[in-house]
């Protein structure tokens, strides 16, 4: 599934200038609905007080922060419950058969393993044009706020590349500010 999502993401990015914001929001809605359905069917994560058709960016952020601050947690044997209002994350034991664990969309070995689908769903219609100044040279990068790695922005062409805040000159949202959530 992750490989398909990566391909889908590359196709969207290569055609970014030809896609309207409405089209991106439609893609995001469909992907979020699919993730919600998969979590409801398989998931070891329960998200409370979130829009039924949207896995909130905040929920993934809360989960990522919890995983990072509890390195001793055996994620593959854990059920996570996230409350988007109280920002509380509860973890409880939940044994998973190894053959079934591969089917779980949120089977986490570490915070870098949250699958592309979740990242894509939360980032696809929340992109930013970030102007960077490195050694006197300014350049613009298409970025998203990444819920896992911990850097505020990451380059869309490479999820593992965080943008150093000291190099950021300007940030321009490529979506309506009132739609941000």
Protein backbone atom coordinates (compact mmCIF):
# COMPACT_ATOMS: atom_id res chain seq x y z
CA UNK A 1 0.00 0.00 0.00
CA UNK A 2 2.75 2.47 0.90
CA UNK A 3 4.45 2.02 -2.47
CA UNK A 4 1.21 2.86 -4.27
CA UNK A 5 0.74 5.93 -2.09
CA UNK A 6 4.27 7.11 -2.89
CA UNK A 7 3.58 6.73 -6.62
CA UNK A 8 0.29 8.56 -6.23
CA UNK A 9 2.07 11.37 -4.37
CA UNK A 10 4.72 11.71 -7.10
CA UNK A 11 2.03 11.91 -9.80
CA UNK A 12 0.22 14.64 -7.88
CA UNK A 13 3.41 16.63 -7.31
CA UNK A 14 4.50 16.40 -10.94
CA UNK A 15 1.10 17.80 -11.95
CA UNK A 16 0.78 20.21 -9.02
CA UNK A 17 0.54 23.35 -11.15
CA UNK A 18 -2.28 21.81 -13.19
CA UNK A 19 -4.37 20.84 -10.16
CA UNK A 20 -6.80 23.29 -8.60
CA UNK A 21 -7.04 23.57 -4.82
CA UNK A 22 -10.55 22.10 -5.08
CA UNK A 23 -9.14 19.02 -6.83
CA UNK A 24 -6.47 18.57 -4.16
CA UNK A 25 -9.12 18.86 -1.45
CA UNK A 26 -11.19 16.22 -3.24
CA UNK A 27 -8.19 13.86 -3.37
CA UNK A 28 -7.50 14.53 0.31
CA UNK A 29 -11.13 13.86 1.26
CA UNK A 30 -11.16 10.53 -0.59
CA UNK A 31 -7.87 9.40 0.95
CA UNK A 32 -8.93 10.46 4.45
CA UNK A 33 -12.20 8.56 4.07
CA UNK A 34 -10.29 5.45 2.96
CA UNK A 35 -7.88 5.69 5.91
CA UNK A 36 -10.80 6.14 8.31
CA UNK A 37 -12.47 3.04 6.90
CA UNK A 38 -9.28 0.98 7.21
CA UNK A 39 -8.67 2.10 10.79
CA UNK A 40 -12.27 1.26 11.68
CA UNK A 41 -11.79 -2.22 10.19
CA UNK A 42 -8.30 -3.15 11.36
CA UNK A 43 -6.86 -0.40 13.39
CA UNK A 44 -4.90 -0.38 16.58
CA UNK A 45 -5.68 3.34 16.83
CA UNK A 46 -8.92 4.99 17.89
CA UNK A 47 -9.37 8.71 17.25
CA UNK A 48 -12.03 10.44 19.35
CA UNK A 49 -13.68 13.79 18.66
CA UNK A 50 -12.45 14.05 15.08
CA UNK A 51 -14.42 14.49 11.88
CA UNK A 52 -15.55 11.01 10.79
CA UNK A 53 -14.19 11.55 7.29
CA UNK A 54 -10.85 12.98 8.38
CA UNK A 55 -7.90 11.65 10.33
CA UNK A 56 -6.87 14.97 11.81
CA UNK A 57 -3.36 16.30 11.49
CA UNK A 58 -3.55 16.96 15.24
CA UNK A 59 -4.26 13.29 15.97
CA UNK A 60 -1.17 12.15 14.09
CA UNK A 61 0.90 14.83 15.79
CA UNK A 62 -0.28 13.70 19.21
CA UNK A 63 0.47 10.08 18.36
CA UNK A 64 3.92 10.89 17.00
CA UNK A 65 4.80 12.91 20.10
CA UNK A 66 3.65 10.06 22.32
CA UNK A 67 5.67 7.47 20.41
CA UNK A 68 8.79 9.66 20.53
CA UNK A 69 8.45 10.26 24.27
CA UNK A 70 7.84 6.57 25.08
CA UNK A 71 10.66 4.70 23.29
CA UNK A 72 10.17 1.72 25.60
CA UNK A 73 6.66 1.15 24.27
CA UNK A 74 6.23 -1.99 22.17
CA UNK A 75 4.16 -0.38 19.46
CA UNK A 76 3.28 -3.60 17.69
CA UNK A 77 1.55 -4.83 20.85
CA UNK A 78 -0.16 -1.59 21.70
CA UNK A 79 -3.60 -0.13 21.16
CA UNK A 80 -3.58 3.68 21.02
CA UNK A 81 -6.54 5.88 21.86
CA UNK A 82 -6.24 9.55 20.89
CA UNK A 83 -8.64 12.25 22.03
CA UNK A 84 -8.40 15.33 19.81
CA UNK A 85 -10.15 17.57 22.35
CA UNK A 86 -8.23 16.69 25.52
CA UNK A 87 -5.05 15.90 23.51
CA UNK A 88 -4.74 12.78 25.65
CA UNK A 89 -3.10 9.64 24.24
CA UNK A 90 -3.67 6.36 26.05
CA UNK A 91 -1.77 3.18 25.26
CA UNK A 92 -2.79 -0.29 26.37
CA UNK A 93 -1.55 -3.80 25.68
CA UNK A 94 -2.99 -5.37 22.58
CA UNK A 95 -1.31 -8.51 21.29
CA UNK A 96 -1.22 -8.74 17.50
CA UNK A 97 -0.64 -11.91 15.53
CA UNK A 98 2.36 -11.39 13.25
CA UNK A 99 0.44 -12.38 10.10
CA UNK A 100 -2.28 -9.85 10.94
CA UNK A 101 0.09 -7.02 11.90
CA UNK A 102 1.13 -6.50 8.27
CA UNK A 103 -2.47 -5.53 7.48
CA UNK A 104 -2.64 -2.77 10.07
CA UNK A 105 -2.41 0.68 8.51
CA UNK A 106 -0.93 2.11 11.70
CA UNK A 107 1.42 -0.69 12.69
CA UNK A 108 4.30 1.36 14.08
CA UNK A 109 7.85 0.09 14.53
CA UNK A 110 9.08 3.63 15.20
CA UNK A 111 7.84 7.12 14.48
CA UNK A 112 9.29 7.10 10.96
CA UNK A 113 7.11 4.15 9.92
CA UNK A 114 3.73 5.87 9.91
CA UNK A 115 2.66 5.01 6.38
CA UNK A 116 2.51 7.33 3.42
CA UNK A 117 -1.26 7.17 3.24
CA UNK A 118 -1.66 8.94 6.56
CA UNK A 119 0.94 11.57 5.72
CA UNK A 120 -0.55 12.06 2.28
CA UNK A 121 -4.06 12.46 3.67
CA UNK A 122 -2.95 15.16 6.07
CA UNK A 123 -0.58 17.00 3.75
CA UNK A 124 -2.01 16.82 0.26
CA UNK A 125 -4.15 19.96 0.59
CA UNK A 126 -1.97 21.67 3.20
CA UNK A 127 1.13 22.56 1.20
CA UNK A 128 3.42 25.55 1.68
CA UNK A 129 5.87 27.39 -0.53
CA UNK A 130 8.89 27.87 1.75
CA UNK A 131 11.64 30.30 0.76
CA UNK A 132 15.05 29.26 2.09
CA UNK A 133 18.32 31.17 2.24
CA UNK A 134 21.36 28.90 2.32
CA UNK A 135 24.78 30.57 2.06
CA UNK A 136 23.25 33.66 0.47
CA UNK A 137 21.34 31.68 -2.17
CA UNK A 138 17.55 31.85 -2.01
CA UNK A 139 15.42 29.01 -3.30
CA UNK A 140 11.80 27.96 -2.99
CA UNK A 141 10.70 24.47 -1.94
CA UNK A 142 7.25 22.91 -1.86
CA UNK A 143 6.84 21.75 1.74
CA UNK A 144 4.33 20.30 4.17
CA UNK A 145 4.11 20.30 7.93
CA UNK A 146 5.22 16.81 8.89
CA UNK A 147 3.42 15.12 11.81
CA UNK A 148 6.14 12.56 12.48
CA UNK A 149 9.73 13.65 12.01
CA UNK A 150 9.52 16.61 14.36
CA UNK A 151 10.70 19.39 12.02
CA UNK A 152 8.02 21.94 11.31
CA UNK A 153 8.37 21.64 7.54
CA UNK A 154 9.60 18.89 5.27
CA UNK A 155 10.17 18.90 1.51
CA UNK A 156 7.40 17.07 -0.34
CA UNK A 157 9.83 15.37 -2.70
CA UNK A 158 11.63 13.75 0.24
CA UNK A 159 9.77 13.02 3.47
CA UNK A 160 13.01 12.47 5.38
CA UNK A 161 14.34 15.96 4.61
CA UNK A 162 13.47 18.43 7.35
CA UNK A 163 13.85 22.15 6.69
CA UNK A 164 16.09 23.90 9.22
CA UNK A 165 14.10 26.78 10.69
CA UNK A 166 17.12 29.13 10.66
CA UNK A 167 17.20 28.94 6.84
CA UNK A 168 13.53 29.88 6.40
CA UNK A 169 13.00 33.38 5.01
CA UNK A 170 9.31 33.20 4.11
CA UNK A 171 6.40 30.74 4.23
CA UNK A 172 3.42 31.06 1.91
CA UNK A 173 0.45 28.69 2.41
CA UNK A 174 -0.90 27.30 -0.86
CA UNK A 175 -4.36 26.95 0.64
CA UNK A 176 -6.89 29.28 2.21
CA UNK A 177 -5.89 30.18 5.79
CA UNK A 178 -9.50 29.83 6.95
CA UNK A 179 -9.50 26.21 5.75
CA UNK A 180 -6.50 25.30 7.91
CA UNK A 181 -7.31 22.87 10.66
